[in-house]
Protein backbone atom coordinates (compact mmCIF):
# COMPACT_ATOMS: atom_id res chain seq x y z
CA UNK A 1 -16.34 -11.09 -5.20
CA UNK A 2 -17.59 -7.64 -6.23
CA UNK A 3 -16.39 -6.13 -2.96
CA UNK A 4 -12.94 -7.74 -3.41
CA UNK A 5 -12.63 -6.23 -6.89
CA UNK A 6 -13.69 -2.80 -5.66
CA UNK A 7 -11.10 -2.85 -2.87
CA UNK A 8 -8.40 -3.99 -5.27
CA UNK A 9 -9.23 -1.08 -7.57
CA UNK A 10 -8.96 1.32 -4.63
CA UNK A 11 -5.56 -0.11 -3.74
CA UNK A 12 -4.32 0.32 -7.31
CA UNK A 13 -5.72 3.84 -7.65
CA UNK A 14 -4.01 5.07 -4.46
CA UNK A 15 -0.64 3.81 -5.67
CA UNK A 16 -1.24 5.49 -9.04
CA UNK A 17 -2.16 8.78 -7.35
CA UNK A 18 1.09 8.70 -5.39
CA UNK A 19 3.10 7.73 -8.50
CA UNK A 20 4.34 4.43 -7.09
CA UNK A 21 4.55 1.58 -9.62
CA UNK A 22 3.19 -1.78 -8.43
CA UNK A 23 3.49 -3.90 -11.55
CA UNK A 24 6.11 -6.50 -12.39
CA UNK A 25 9.42 -6.34 -10.56
CA UNK A 26 8.85 -2.70 -9.58
CA UNK A 27 6.59 -3.74 -6.70
CA UNK A 28 9.67 -5.29 -5.03
CA UNK A 29 11.66 -2.01 -5.02
CA UNK A 30 12.51 -0.73 -1.57
CA UNK A 31 11.08 2.54 -0.32
CA UNK A 32 13.72 5.10 0.66
CA UNK A 33 16.62 3.53 -1.30
CA UNK A 34 15.25 2.41 -4.68
CA UNK A 35 12.10 4.55 -4.59
CA UNK A 36 13.22 8.02 -3.45
CA UNK A 37 10.52 8.86 -0.90
CA UNK A 38 10.61 9.68 2.79
CA UNK A 39 8.71 8.12 5.69
CA UNK A 40 6.00 10.81 5.59
CA UNK A 41 5.24 9.96 1.96
CA UNK A 42 4.83 6.28 2.82
CA UNK A 43 2.69 7.22 5.82
CA UNK A 44 0.51 9.25 3.42
CA UNK A 45 -0.02 6.19 1.24
CA UNK A 46 -0.91 4.11 4.29
CA UNK A 47 -3.28 6.81 5.60
CA UNK A 48 -5.11 7.03 2.26
CA UNK A 49 -5.48 3.27 2.05
CA UNK A 50 -6.65 2.99 5.63
CA UNK A 51 -9.29 5.68 5.16
CA UNK A 52 -10.53 4.47 1.77
CA UNK A 53 -10.58 0.78 2.68
CA UNK A 54 -11.81 1.28 6.25
CA UNK A 55 -8.98 -0.75 7.73
CA UNK A 56 -6.39 0.20 10.34
CA UNK A 57 -2.93 -1.32 10.34
CA UNK A 58 -1.16 -1.86 13.63
CA UNK A 59 1.99 0.16 14.36
CA UNK A 60 4.10 -2.99 14.20
CA UNK A 61 2.75 -3.73 10.72
CA UNK A 62 3.56 -0.17 9.61
CA UNK A 63 7.15 -0.49 10.81
CA UNK A 64 7.68 -3.66 8.73
CA UNK A 65 6.67 -2.02 5.44
CA UNK A 66 9.66 -1.59 3.15
CA UNK A 67 8.20 -1.95 -0.37
CA UNK A 68 4.95 -1.56 -2.29
CA UNK A 69 4.50 -5.33 -2.08
CA UNK A 70 4.62 -5.11 1.73
CA UNK A 71 1.80 -2.56 1.62
CA UNK A 72 -0.25 -4.76 -0.70
CA UNK A 73 0.23 -7.82 1.48
CA UNK A 74 -0.61 -5.94 4.70
CA UNK A 75 -3.88 -4.63 3.29
CA UNK A 76 -4.66 -7.85 1.48
CA UNK A 77 -4.59 -9.76 4.74
CA UNK A 78 -7.04 -7.30 6.34
CA UNK A 79 -9.18 -5.51 3.78
CA UNK A 80 -9.32 -7.99 0.96
CA UNK A 81 -9.96 -11.03 3.13
């Protein structure tokens, strides 16, 4: 349980550092159209999460990410399990 909480805090802190809101309906906003970022910015978020959580996402998982919620779900299934 303690490890799960620590990883959740890491996830939240990375999003805060990148200025991406993940609360309420804002976590459903689409990268690129509703959140004005480019692919490199999103790759930066993914890189930070992978390195801090010690988890690697597959390329096919990366290509499916379109919103902050997608990022959360991808890492939840691997790192927070």
